Amino acid sequence: DTKFITTVAVLRDVLSDALGCGYRVCEIDGQRLMGYASLYYDTPDLKMFTAHRNGKKTRQKVRVRTYLTGGDTFLEIKRKNNHGRTKKKRIRISQDVFMNFGEDPDAAAFLEEKSWWKHEDITPSTTTDFERFTLVNKEMTERLTIDLNIRFRNIRSGRCSGLTDLVIIELKQDGRKVSDMRKILLEHRVFPFRISKYCMG
C-alpha cells in the first residue's frame, strides 16, 4: 500500500489520464461516491497516537467504522508489523454501540483477543468522516481508493476541522506488477506521502 496526497484540481487531470489507461470506477447500487464515518479509540494518554507519531514500527489502531452507503458498522483493529505490513481484523457490530462498542460483549471479547487492549482501557478519541470512490485497473491487479471532503472532530476537546481541498489517494497493488497509476501520479508530480487520518485529526 502506498499513499499520496494532492488537490482536487490535480485529481481531475489524474482521473482523465486514468480513464485513458482503462481504469474503472466501482459502483454499488448506482452509487460511486461512498460515505464513511470512523471513530478512533485510544487510551487516556493517547498511546496509539503517540506510537504512530514516534514512528514505532509495530503498532495498532482501534476504530469503529460505519459504511454509510450500506449502513454496516464494524469494530476494526489495524495492526502494522515491523516489516511495514498492515493487517485488519474486524467484527460486525450494531450502529447503536458506535460510541461505546464495549456494550457489545462479543465486540469486547474480540478486542481482547485480537489486540493489546481491553475495552475499558480505551475511549472515543477522534472521528474522521469522508467520501471515497474506488478505481481498479483492467487486469484487476491494483485498487485505488480516493478520499475527499475529509472532516475531523476531536471528541475530547470538542474541536472540529477539515481538509476541504486535500485528496488522499491510496494505491493497493500487487508489488510484482508495473503500475500505470503510479506513473500517472508521478507525471502530475503527486508523490508518495505518509499520512494518517487519525493522527491528522
N, C-alpha and C. Protein backbone atom coordinates (compact mmCIF):
# COMPACT_ATOMS: atom_id res chain seq x y z
N ASP A 1 0.84 -1.19 0.00
CA ASP A 1 0.00 0.00 0.00
C ASP A 1 0.88 1.24 0.00
N THR A 2 0.54 2.21 -0.84
CA THR A 2 1.26 3.47 -0.89
C THR A 2 0.26 4.61 -0.90
N LYS A 3 0.48 5.62 -0.06
CA LYS A 3 -0.42 6.77 -0.01
C LYS A 3 0.20 7.95 -0.73
N PHE A 4 -0.67 8.77 -1.30
CA PHE A 4 -0.28 10.00 -1.98
C PHE A 4 -1.27 11.08 -1.54
N ILE A 5 -0.84 12.35 -1.59
CA ILE A 5 -1.78 13.44 -1.36
C ILE A 5 -1.70 14.42 -2.51
N THR A 6 -2.84 15.03 -2.82
CA THR A 6 -2.89 16.03 -3.87
C THR A 6 -4.09 16.93 -3.62
N THR A 7 -4.43 17.74 -4.62
CA THR A 7 -5.58 18.65 -4.51
C THR A 7 -6.67 18.18 -5.47
N VAL A 8 -7.86 18.74 -5.27
CA VAL A 8 -8.98 18.40 -6.14
C VAL A 8 -8.67 18.77 -7.60
N ALA A 9 -8.03 19.92 -7.81
CA ALA A 9 -7.72 20.37 -9.17
C ALA A 9 -6.80 19.38 -9.89
N VAL A 10 -5.75 18.92 -9.22
CA VAL A 10 -4.83 17.97 -9.83
C VAL A 10 -5.52 16.62 -10.03
N LEU A 11 -6.39 16.26 -9.11
CA LEU A 11 -7.09 14.97 -9.22
C LEU A 11 -7.86 14.89 -10.53
N ARG A 12 -8.46 15.98 -10.97
CA ARG A 12 -9.22 15.96 -12.22
C ARG A 12 -8.34 15.49 -13.38
N ASP A 13 -7.12 16.00 -13.45
CA ASP A 13 -6.20 15.61 -14.52
C ASP A 13 -5.76 14.15 -14.37
N VAL A 14 -5.53 13.73 -13.14
CA VAL A 14 -5.15 12.34 -12.87
C VAL A 14 -6.25 11.39 -13.35
N LEU A 15 -7.50 11.74 -13.05
CA LEU A 15 -8.62 10.87 -13.43
C LEU A 15 -8.79 10.82 -14.94
N SER A 16 -8.54 11.93 -15.61
CA SER A 16 -8.63 11.95 -17.07
C SER A 16 -7.62 10.98 -17.67
N ASP A 17 -6.39 10.98 -17.16
CA ASP A 17 -5.37 10.05 -17.65
C ASP A 17 -5.69 8.61 -17.27
N ALA A 18 -6.27 8.42 -16.08
CA ALA A 18 -6.63 7.07 -15.64
C ALA A 18 -7.70 6.48 -16.55
N LEU A 19 -8.65 7.30 -16.95
CA LEU A 19 -9.69 6.84 -17.87
C LEU A 19 -9.07 6.38 -19.19
N GLY A 20 -8.08 7.13 -19.66
CA GLY A 20 -7.40 6.77 -20.90
C GLY A 20 -6.63 5.46 -20.81
N CYS A 21 -6.23 5.08 -19.59
CA CYS A 21 -5.49 3.83 -19.38
C CYS A 21 -6.41 2.66 -19.05
N GLY A 22 -7.72 2.90 -19.04
CA GLY A 22 -8.65 1.81 -18.84
C GLY A 22 -9.08 1.55 -17.41
N TYR A 23 -8.77 2.46 -16.48
CA TYR A 23 -9.22 2.27 -15.10
C TYR A 23 -10.74 2.42 -15.04
N ARG A 24 -11.35 1.65 -14.15
CA ARG A 24 -12.80 1.67 -13.98
C ARG A 24 -13.15 2.04 -12.55
N VAL A 25 -14.33 2.63 -12.38
CA VAL A 25 -14.76 3.05 -11.05
C VAL A 25 -15.74 2.03 -10.49
N CYS A 26 -15.60 1.75 -9.21
CA CYS A 26 -16.50 0.83 -8.52
C CYS A 26 -17.86 1.51 -8.31
N GLU A 27 -18.92 0.76 -8.59
CA GLU A 27 -20.27 1.29 -8.42
C GLU A 27 -21.10 0.28 -7.65
N ILE A 28 -21.79 0.74 -6.62
CA ILE A 28 -22.64 -0.13 -5.80
C ILE A 28 -24.04 0.48 -5.77
N ASP A 29 -25.01 -0.26 -6.25
CA ASP A 29 -26.40 0.22 -6.27
C ASP A 29 -26.51 1.61 -6.90
N GLY A 30 -25.75 1.81 -7.98
CA GLY A 30 -25.82 3.08 -8.69
C GLY A 30 -25.01 4.21 -8.08
N GLN A 31 -24.32 3.94 -6.99
CA GLN A 31 -23.53 4.97 -6.32
C GLN A 31 -22.04 4.73 -6.52
N ARG A 32 -21.32 5.82 -6.79
CA ARG A 32 -19.88 5.73 -6.96
C ARG A 32 -19.14 6.39 -5.80
N LEU A 33 -19.75 7.38 -5.18
CA LEU A 33 -19.12 8.09 -4.06
C LEU A 33 -19.75 7.59 -2.77
N MET A 34 -18.93 6.94 -1.93
CA MET A 34 -19.43 6.30 -0.71
C MET A 34 -19.02 7.11 0.53
N GLY A 35 -19.93 7.19 1.48
CA GLY A 35 -19.62 7.89 2.73
C GLY A 35 -19.12 6.95 3.80
N TYR A 36 -18.14 7.42 4.57
CA TYR A 36 -17.55 6.65 5.67
C TYR A 36 -17.55 7.51 6.93
N ALA A 37 -17.92 6.91 8.05
CA ALA A 37 -17.82 7.57 9.35
C ALA A 37 -16.99 6.67 10.26
N SER A 38 -15.87 7.20 10.75
CA SER A 38 -14.97 6.41 11.59
C SER A 38 -14.78 7.08 12.93
N LEU A 39 -14.75 6.27 13.97
CA LEU A 39 -14.46 6.75 15.32
C LEU A 39 -13.26 5.97 15.83
N TYR A 40 -12.18 6.69 16.11
CA TYR A 40 -10.96 6.07 16.62
C TYR A 40 -10.98 6.11 18.15
N TYR A 41 -10.59 5.00 18.73
CA TYR A 41 -10.47 4.88 20.18
C TYR A 41 -8.99 4.95 20.55
N ASP A 42 -8.71 5.43 21.77
CA ASP A 42 -7.33 5.47 22.24
C ASP A 42 -7.34 5.45 23.75
N THR A 43 -6.16 5.26 24.33
CA THR A 43 -6.03 5.29 25.78
C THR A 43 -6.12 6.75 26.26
N PRO A 44 -6.33 6.98 27.55
CA PRO A 44 -6.40 8.36 28.05
C PRO A 44 -5.16 9.18 27.72
N ASP A 45 -3.98 8.53 27.68
CA ASP A 45 -2.75 9.26 27.36
C ASP A 45 -2.33 9.07 25.89
N LEU A 46 -3.26 8.64 25.04
CA LEU A 46 -3.07 8.57 23.59
C LEU A 46 -1.88 7.69 23.18
N LYS A 47 -1.82 6.51 23.71
CA LYS A 47 -0.71 5.61 23.39
C LYS A 47 -0.67 5.24 21.90
N MET A 48 -1.82 5.02 21.28
CA MET A 48 -1.83 4.63 19.86
C MET A 48 -1.39 5.79 18.97
N PHE A 49 -1.88 6.98 19.27
CA PHE A 49 -1.44 8.17 18.53
C PHE A 49 0.05 8.38 18.68
N THR A 50 0.55 8.28 19.92
CA THR A 50 1.97 8.54 20.20
C THR A 50 2.86 7.51 19.50
N ALA A 51 2.44 6.25 19.49
CA ALA A 51 3.23 5.21 18.82
C ALA A 51 3.38 5.52 17.34
N HIS A 52 2.29 5.99 16.72
CA HIS A 52 2.36 6.33 15.30
C HIS A 52 3.26 7.54 15.07
N ARG A 53 3.06 8.59 15.85
CA ARG A 53 3.84 9.82 15.67
C ARG A 53 5.34 9.60 15.94
N ASN A 54 5.65 8.68 16.85
CA ASN A 54 7.05 8.40 17.17
C ASN A 54 7.67 7.38 16.21
N GLY A 55 6.91 6.93 15.22
CA GLY A 55 7.45 6.02 14.22
C GLY A 55 7.66 4.60 14.70
N LYS A 56 6.94 4.20 15.75
CA LYS A 56 7.08 2.83 16.24
C LYS A 56 6.61 1.87 15.16
N LYS A 57 7.44 0.90 14.82
CA LYS A 57 7.15 0.04 13.68
C LYS A 57 5.98 -0.90 13.93
N THR A 58 5.90 -1.46 15.13
CA THR A 58 4.80 -2.35 15.47
C THR A 58 3.77 -1.56 16.27
N ARG A 59 2.57 -1.41 15.71
CA ARG A 59 1.57 -0.60 16.40
C ARG A 59 0.18 -1.04 15.98
N GLN A 60 -0.81 -0.55 16.71
CA GLN A 60 -2.20 -0.88 16.45
C GLN A 60 -3.06 0.38 16.47
N LYS A 61 -4.19 0.28 15.76
CA LYS A 61 -5.24 1.28 15.87
C LYS A 61 -6.56 0.54 16.05
N VAL A 62 -7.43 1.14 16.82
CA VAL A 62 -8.76 0.56 17.06
C VAL A 62 -9.79 1.60 16.64
N ARG A 63 -10.71 1.18 15.77
CA ARG A 63 -11.74 2.12 15.32
C ARG A 63 -13.05 1.38 15.10
N VAL A 64 -14.12 2.16 15.13
CA VAL A 64 -15.42 1.69 14.68
C VAL A 64 -15.73 2.45 13.41
N ARG A 65 -16.10 1.72 12.37
CA ARG A 65 -16.36 2.37 11.08
C ARG A 65 -17.75 1.97 10.57
N THR A 66 -18.51 2.99 10.16
CA THR A 66 -19.79 2.76 9.51
C THR A 66 -19.65 3.09 8.04
N TYR A 67 -20.05 2.13 7.21
CA TYR A 67 -20.08 2.31 5.76
C TYR A 67 -21.47 2.84 5.43
N LEU A 68 -21.56 4.16 5.21
CA LEU A 68 -22.85 4.83 5.19
C LEU A 68 -23.73 4.39 4.04
N THR A 69 -23.14 3.95 2.94
CA THR A 69 -23.94 3.54 1.79
C THR A 69 -24.79 2.31 2.13
N GLY A 70 -24.16 1.33 2.77
CA GLY A 70 -24.89 0.12 3.12
C GLY A 70 -25.38 0.09 4.55
N GLY A 71 -24.83 0.95 5.40
CA GLY A 71 -25.24 1.01 6.79
C GLY A 71 -24.54 0.02 7.70
N ASP A 72 -23.57 -0.74 7.18
CA ASP A 72 -22.86 -1.72 8.00
C ASP A 72 -21.87 -1.02 8.92
N THR A 73 -21.75 -1.51 10.15
CA THR A 73 -20.82 -0.97 11.13
C THR A 73 -19.94 -2.10 11.65
N PHE A 74 -18.63 -1.81 11.78
CA PHE A 74 -17.67 -2.82 12.22
C PHE A 74 -16.74 -2.22 13.27
N LEU A 75 -16.34 -3.04 14.22
CA LEU A 75 -15.18 -2.76 15.07
C LEU A 75 -13.98 -3.31 14.32
N GLU A 76 -12.99 -2.45 14.06
CA GLU A 76 -11.84 -2.84 13.26
C GLU A 76 -10.55 -2.62 14.06
N ILE A 77 -9.66 -3.59 13.96
CA ILE A 77 -8.34 -3.49 14.59
C ILE A 77 -7.30 -3.57 13.49
N LYS A 78 -6.54 -2.49 13.34
CA LYS A 78 -5.47 -2.46 12.33
C LYS A 78 -4.14 -2.63 13.04
N ARG A 79 -3.36 -3.58 12.57
CA ARG A 79 -2.06 -3.85 13.20
C ARG A 79 -0.96 -3.80 12.15
N LYS A 80 0.04 -2.99 12.40
CA LYS A 80 1.18 -2.90 11.50
C LYS A 80 2.36 -3.61 12.14
N ASN A 81 3.03 -4.47 11.35
CA ASN A 81 4.18 -5.19 11.90
C ASN A 81 5.48 -4.47 11.54
N ASN A 82 6.60 -5.01 12.00
CA ASN A 82 7.89 -4.32 11.81
C ASN A 82 8.42 -4.43 10.38
N HIS A 83 7.64 -5.08 9.49
CA HIS A 83 8.00 -5.12 8.07
C HIS A 83 7.15 -4.15 7.26
N GLY A 84 6.34 -3.35 7.97
CA GLY A 84 5.52 -2.35 7.29
C GLY A 84 4.22 -2.88 6.74
N ARG A 85 3.87 -4.14 7.03
CA ARG A 85 2.62 -4.71 6.53
C ARG A 85 1.50 -4.47 7.52
N THR A 86 0.34 -4.11 6.98
CA THR A 86 -0.82 -3.84 7.82
C THR A 86 -1.85 -4.94 7.62
N LYS A 87 -2.35 -5.46 8.73
CA LYS A 87 -3.44 -6.44 8.69
C LYS A 87 -4.62 -5.88 9.47
N LYS A 88 -5.82 -6.15 8.94
CA LYS A 88 -7.02 -5.63 9.58
C LYS A 88 -7.94 -6.79 9.95
N LYS A 89 -8.37 -6.80 11.20
CA LYS A 89 -9.36 -7.76 11.67
C LYS A 89 -10.60 -6.96 12.06
N ARG A 90 -11.78 -7.52 11.80
CA ARG A 90 -12.98 -6.77 12.14
C ARG A 90 -14.14 -7.69 12.48
N ILE A 91 -15.10 -7.12 13.21
CA ILE A 91 -16.31 -7.84 13.59
C ILE A 91 -17.49 -6.87 13.42
N ARG A 92 -18.58 -7.39 12.89
CA ARG A 92 -19.77 -6.56 12.69
C ARG A 92 -20.41 -6.25 14.04
N ILE A 93 -20.81 -4.99 14.22
CA ILE A 93 -21.49 -4.59 15.45
C ILE A 93 -22.72 -3.76 15.08
N SER A 94 -23.55 -3.50 16.05
CA SER A 94 -24.71 -2.65 15.83
C SER A 94 -24.28 -1.18 15.81
N GLN A 95 -24.91 -0.40 14.95
CA GLN A 95 -24.61 1.04 14.90
C GLN A 95 -24.97 1.71 16.22
N ASP A 96 -25.84 1.09 17.00
CA ASP A 96 -26.25 1.66 18.29
C ASP A 96 -25.10 1.76 19.28
N VAL A 97 -24.03 0.94 19.11
CA VAL A 97 -22.91 0.96 20.05
C VAL A 97 -21.68 1.63 19.41
N PHE A 98 -21.90 2.44 18.38
CA PHE A 98 -20.82 3.16 17.70
C PHE A 98 -19.93 3.89 18.70
N MET A 99 -20.55 4.58 19.67
CA MET A 99 -19.78 5.39 20.63
C MET A 99 -19.30 4.60 21.83
N ASN A 100 -19.76 3.37 21.97
CA ASN A 100 -19.31 2.55 23.11
C ASN A 100 -19.49 1.07 22.75
N PHE A 101 -18.56 0.56 21.95
CA PHE A 101 -18.69 -0.82 21.49
C PHE A 101 -18.57 -1.81 22.64
N GLY A 102 -18.04 -1.37 23.79
CA GLY A 102 -17.90 -2.25 24.95
C GLY A 102 -19.23 -2.75 25.48
N GLU A 103 -20.34 -2.11 25.05
CA GLU A 103 -21.66 -2.58 25.45
C GLU A 103 -22.03 -3.89 24.75
N ASP A 104 -21.29 -4.22 23.71
CA ASP A 104 -21.49 -5.48 22.97
C ASP A 104 -20.48 -6.49 23.48
N PRO A 105 -20.92 -7.53 24.21
CA PRO A 105 -19.97 -8.50 24.79
C PRO A 105 -19.09 -9.18 23.74
N ASP A 106 -19.65 -9.47 22.56
CA ASP A 106 -18.86 -10.12 21.52
C ASP A 106 -17.76 -9.18 21.01
N ALA A 107 -18.09 -7.90 20.87
CA ALA A 107 -17.09 -6.93 20.41
C ALA A 107 -16.00 -6.75 21.45
N ALA A 108 -16.38 -6.69 22.72
CA ALA A 108 -15.39 -6.54 23.79
C ALA A 108 -14.45 -7.74 23.83
N ALA A 109 -15.00 -8.95 23.66
CA ALA A 109 -14.18 -10.16 23.65
C ALA A 109 -13.27 -10.19 22.43
N PHE A 110 -13.78 -9.74 21.28
CA PHE A 110 -12.99 -9.69 20.05
C PHE A 110 -11.80 -8.76 20.23
N LEU A 111 -12.03 -7.59 20.84
CA LEU A 111 -10.93 -6.65 21.08
C LEU A 111 -9.86 -7.29 21.95
N GLU A 112 -10.26 -7.92 23.01
CA GLU A 112 -9.29 -8.51 23.94
C GLU A 112 -8.51 -9.64 23.28
N GLU A 113 -9.16 -10.38 22.39
CA GLU A 113 -8.50 -11.50 21.72
C GLU A 113 -7.53 -11.03 20.63
N LYS A 114 -7.90 -9.97 19.89
CA LYS A 114 -7.16 -9.57 18.70
C LYS A 114 -6.24 -8.37 18.90
N SER A 115 -6.30 -7.72 20.06
CA SER A 115 -5.47 -6.52 20.27
C SER A 115 -4.76 -6.58 21.60
N TRP A 116 -4.04 -5.50 21.89
CA TRP A 116 -3.32 -5.40 23.16
C TRP A 116 -4.19 -4.78 24.25
N TRP A 117 -5.43 -4.45 23.94
CA TRP A 117 -6.24 -3.64 24.84
C TRP A 117 -7.50 -4.37 25.28
N LYS A 118 -8.06 -3.92 26.40
CA LYS A 118 -9.40 -4.27 26.82
C LYS A 118 -10.29 -3.05 26.59
N HIS A 119 -11.59 -3.27 26.45
CA HIS A 119 -12.46 -2.14 26.09
C HIS A 119 -12.46 -1.05 27.15
N GLU A 120 -12.22 -1.43 28.41
CA GLU A 120 -12.20 -0.40 29.46
C GLU A 120 -10.91 0.42 29.44
N ASP A 121 -9.91 0.00 28.67
CA ASP A 121 -8.64 0.74 28.57
C ASP A 121 -8.72 1.92 27.62
N ILE A 122 -9.73 1.92 26.72
CA ILE A 122 -9.76 2.91 25.64
C ILE A 122 -11.13 3.59 25.58
N THR A 123 -11.13 4.82 25.10
CA THR A 123 -12.35 5.61 24.97
C THR A 123 -12.33 6.34 23.64
N PRO A 124 -13.49 6.86 23.18
CA PRO A 124 -13.52 7.59 21.91
C PRO A 124 -12.54 8.77 21.92
N SER A 125 -11.80 8.91 20.82
CA SER A 125 -10.80 9.96 20.71
C SER A 125 -11.13 10.95 19.60
N THR A 126 -11.28 10.45 18.37
CA THR A 126 -11.44 11.35 17.22
C THR A 126 -12.31 10.68 16.16
N THR A 127 -13.16 11.48 15.53
CA THR A 127 -13.91 10.98 14.38
C THR A 127 -13.27 11.51 13.09
N THR A 128 -13.32 10.69 12.05
CA THR A 128 -12.94 11.13 10.71
C THR A 128 -14.06 10.72 9.77
N ASP A 129 -14.63 11.68 9.09
CA ASP A 129 -15.68 11.42 8.11
C ASP A 129 -15.16 11.84 6.74
N PHE A 130 -15.51 11.08 5.71
CA PHE A 130 -15.03 11.42 4.37
C PHE A 130 -15.87 10.69 3.34
N GLU A 131 -15.71 11.10 2.07
CA GLU A 131 -16.30 10.39 0.95
C GLU A 131 -15.18 9.70 0.18
N ARG A 132 -15.50 8.55 -0.38
CA ARG A 132 -14.47 7.76 -1.08
C ARG A 132 -15.05 7.16 -2.35
N PHE A 133 -14.23 7.16 -3.40
CA PHE A 133 -14.54 6.31 -4.55
C PHE A 133 -13.32 5.47 -4.87
N THR A 134 -13.54 4.38 -5.60
CA THR A 134 -12.51 3.38 -5.81
C THR A 134 -12.34 3.09 -7.29
N LEU A 135 -11.09 3.03 -7.75
CA LEU A 135 -10.77 2.67 -9.11
C LEU A 135 -10.05 1.32 -9.13
N VAL A 136 -10.24 0.56 -10.18
CA VAL A 136 -9.47 -0.67 -10.39
C VAL A 136 -8.92 -0.65 -11.82
N ASN A 137 -7.77 -1.28 -12.01
CA ASN A 137 -7.21 -1.34 -13.36
C ASN A 137 -7.81 -2.50 -14.14
N LYS A 138 -7.51 -2.56 -15.43
CA LYS A 138 -8.11 -3.58 -16.31
C LYS A 138 -7.75 -4.99 -15.86
N GLU A 139 -6.51 -5.17 -15.39
CA GLU A 139 -6.03 -6.50 -15.02
C GLU A 139 -6.48 -6.92 -13.63
N MET A 140 -7.13 -6.00 -12.89
CA MET A 140 -7.58 -6.27 -11.52
C MET A 140 -6.41 -6.60 -10.60
N THR A 141 -5.25 -6.00 -10.86
CA THR A 141 -4.08 -6.23 -10.01
C THR A 141 -3.82 -5.07 -9.06
N GLU A 142 -4.60 -4.00 -9.21
CA GLU A 142 -4.45 -2.89 -8.27
C GLU A 142 -5.78 -2.19 -8.05
N ARG A 143 -5.87 -1.61 -6.86
CA ARG A 143 -7.07 -0.89 -6.44
C ARG A 143 -6.62 0.45 -5.91
N LEU A 144 -7.36 1.48 -6.23
CA LEU A 144 -7.01 2.84 -5.83
C LEU A 144 -8.20 3.44 -5.09
N THR A 145 -8.01 3.79 -3.81
CA THR A 145 -9.07 4.49 -3.09
C THR A 145 -8.73 5.98 -3.04
N ILE A 146 -9.74 6.81 -3.25
CA ILE A 146 -9.56 8.25 -3.31
C ILE A 146 -10.53 8.89 -2.31
N ASP A 147 -9.98 9.55 -1.29
CA ASP A 147 -10.76 10.12 -0.21
C ASP A 147 -10.84 11.64 -0.34
N LEU A 148 -12.07 12.16 -0.23
CA LEU A 148 -12.36 13.57 -0.41
C LEU A 148 -13.16 14.12 0.76
N ASN A 149 -13.19 15.44 0.87
CA ASN A 149 -14.04 16.11 1.87
C ASN A 149 -13.82 15.52 3.26
N ILE A 150 -12.58 15.51 3.70
CA ILE A 150 -12.19 14.88 4.97
C ILE A 150 -12.48 15.84 6.12
N ARG A 151 -13.21 15.33 7.13
CA ARG A 151 -13.59 16.15 8.28
C ARG A 151 -13.22 15.44 9.57
N PHE A 152 -12.83 16.23 10.57
CA PHE A 152 -12.39 15.67 11.86
C PHE A 152 -13.19 16.29 13.01
N ARG A 153 -13.36 15.50 14.05
CA ARG A 153 -13.87 16.05 15.32
C ARG A 153 -13.12 15.37 16.45
N ASN A 154 -12.45 16.18 17.26
CA ASN A 154 -11.76 15.67 18.44
C ASN A 154 -12.80 15.52 19.55
N ILE A 155 -13.11 14.30 19.91
CA ILE A 155 -14.16 14.04 20.89
C ILE A 155 -13.82 14.66 22.24
N ARG A 156 -12.57 14.63 22.60
CA ARG A 156 -12.17 15.05 23.96
C ARG A 156 -12.12 16.56 24.10
N SER A 157 -11.74 17.27 23.04
CA SER A 157 -11.67 18.73 23.12
C SER A 157 -12.90 19.40 22.52
N GLY A 158 -13.64 18.66 21.69
CA GLY A 158 -14.80 19.23 21.03
C GLY A 158 -14.47 20.02 19.77
N ARG A 159 -13.19 20.13 19.41
CA ARG A 159 -12.80 20.92 18.25
C ARG A 159 -13.08 20.16 16.96
N CYS A 160 -13.47 20.91 15.92
CA CYS A 160 -13.75 20.34 14.60
C CYS A 160 -12.87 21.03 13.57
N SER A 161 -12.53 20.29 12.52
CA SER A 161 -11.72 20.86 11.45
C SER A 161 -11.94 20.02 10.20
N GLY A 162 -11.32 20.44 9.10
CA GLY A 162 -11.47 19.69 7.86
C GLY A 162 -10.39 20.03 6.87
N LEU A 163 -10.28 19.21 5.84
CA LEU A 163 -9.30 19.40 4.77
C LEU A 163 -10.08 19.39 3.46
N THR A 164 -10.70 20.52 3.15
CA THR A 164 -11.67 20.56 2.06
C THR A 164 -11.03 20.38 0.69
N ASP A 165 -9.78 20.80 0.50
CA ASP A 165 -9.15 20.71 -0.81
C ASP A 165 -8.15 19.57 -0.91
N LEU A 166 -7.91 18.89 0.19
CA LEU A 166 -6.92 17.81 0.19
C LEU A 166 -7.57 16.50 -0.26
N VAL A 167 -6.84 15.76 -1.07
CA VAL A 167 -7.27 14.43 -1.53
C VAL A 167 -6.22 13.43 -1.09
N ILE A 168 -6.65 12.35 -0.45
CA ILE A 168 -5.74 11.27 -0.06
C ILE A 168 -6.00 10.08 -0.98
N ILE A 169 -4.96 9.66 -1.66
CA ILE A 169 -5.04 8.54 -2.58
C ILE A 169 -4.23 7.38 -2.00
N GLU A 170 -4.81 6.20 -2.00
CA GLU A 170 -4.07 5.02 -1.53
C GLU A 170 -4.07 3.98 -2.63
N LEU A 171 -2.87 3.61 -3.04
CA LEU A 171 -2.68 2.63 -4.10
C LEU A 171 -2.35 1.28 -3.47
N LYS A 172 -3.22 0.31 -3.71
CA LYS A 172 -3.02 -1.05 -3.20
C LYS A 172 -2.77 -1.93 -4.41
N GLN A 173 -1.58 -2.51 -4.48
CA GLN A 173 -1.22 -3.21 -5.70
C GLN A 173 -0.43 -4.47 -5.44
N ASP A 174 -0.43 -5.34 -6.44
CA ASP A 174 0.45 -6.50 -6.45
C ASP A 174 1.85 -5.96 -6.74
N GLY A 175 2.77 -6.10 -5.80
CA GLY A 175 4.09 -5.50 -5.93
C GLY A 175 4.90 -5.98 -7.11
N ARG A 176 4.49 -7.07 -7.73
CA ARG A 176 5.25 -7.62 -8.86
C ARG A 176 4.83 -7.00 -10.18
N LYS A 177 3.77 -6.21 -10.19
CA LYS A 177 3.24 -5.65 -11.43
C LYS A 177 3.64 -4.19 -11.59
N VAL A 178 3.84 -3.78 -12.85
CA VAL A 178 4.07 -2.37 -13.14
C VAL A 178 2.75 -1.63 -13.03
N SER A 179 2.75 -0.47 -12.36
CA SER A 179 1.52 0.27 -12.13
C SER A 179 1.43 1.48 -13.06
N ASP A 180 0.40 1.48 -13.93
CA ASP A 180 0.16 2.66 -14.75
C ASP A 180 -0.22 3.85 -13.88
N MET A 181 -0.97 3.59 -12.80
CA MET A 181 -1.39 4.70 -11.94
C MET A 181 -0.21 5.36 -11.25
N ARG A 182 0.75 4.58 -10.82
CA ARG A 182 1.93 5.18 -10.20
C ARG A 182 2.64 6.10 -11.19
N LYS A 183 2.71 5.68 -12.44
CA LYS A 183 3.32 6.52 -13.48
C LYS A 183 2.51 7.80 -13.67
N ILE A 184 1.18 7.67 -13.72
CA ILE A 184 0.31 8.84 -13.91
C ILE A 184 0.51 9.83 -12.77
N LEU A 185 0.53 9.32 -11.55
CA LEU A 185 0.68 10.21 -10.39
C LEU A 185 2.02 10.95 -10.44
N LEU A 186 3.08 10.24 -10.76
CA LEU A 186 4.40 10.87 -10.81
C LEU A 186 4.47 11.91 -11.93
N GLU A 187 3.79 11.63 -13.06
CA GLU A 187 3.76 12.61 -14.15
C GLU A 187 3.09 13.91 -13.72
N HIS A 188 2.15 13.81 -12.79
CA HIS A 188 1.46 15.01 -12.27
C HIS A 188 2.10 15.52 -10.98
N ARG A 189 3.30 15.04 -10.71
CA ARG A 189 4.08 15.46 -9.54
C ARG A 189 3.31 15.19 -8.23
N VAL A 190 2.64 14.06 -8.21
CA VAL A 190 1.98 13.59 -6.99
C VAL A 190 2.84 12.45 -6.46
N PHE A 191 3.48 12.68 -5.32
CA PHE A 191 4.49 11.77 -4.81
C PHE A 191 3.99 11.02 -3.56
N PRO A 192 4.59 9.86 -3.27
CA PRO A 192 4.21 9.13 -2.05
C PRO A 192 4.37 10.01 -0.81
N PHE A 193 3.43 9.85 0.12
CA PHE A 193 3.42 10.69 1.32
C PHE A 193 2.80 9.88 2.46
N ARG A 194 3.51 9.78 3.56
CA ARG A 194 2.99 9.04 4.71
C ARG A 194 2.03 9.92 5.48
N ILE A 195 0.80 9.46 5.62
CA ILE A 195 -0.21 10.26 6.29
C ILE A 195 -1.20 9.34 6.99
N SER A 196 -1.69 9.76 8.13
CA SER A 196 -2.69 9.03 8.88
C SER A 196 -3.84 9.98 9.18
N LYS A 197 -5.05 9.59 8.75
CA LYS A 197 -6.21 10.47 9.03
C LYS A 197 -6.43 10.59 10.53
N TYR A 198 -6.20 9.50 11.28
CA TYR A 198 -6.37 9.60 12.73
C TYR A 198 -5.39 10.60 13.33
N CYS A 199 -4.13 10.51 12.96
CA CYS A 199 -3.14 11.43 13.51
C CYS A 199 -3.42 12.87 13.09
N MET A 200 -3.88 13.07 11.86
CA MET A 200 -4.25 14.42 11.44
C MET A 200 -5.36 14.96 12.33
N GLY A 201 -6.35 14.09 12.59
CA GLY A 201 -7.48 14.52 13.44
C GLY A 201 -7.04 14.82 14.86
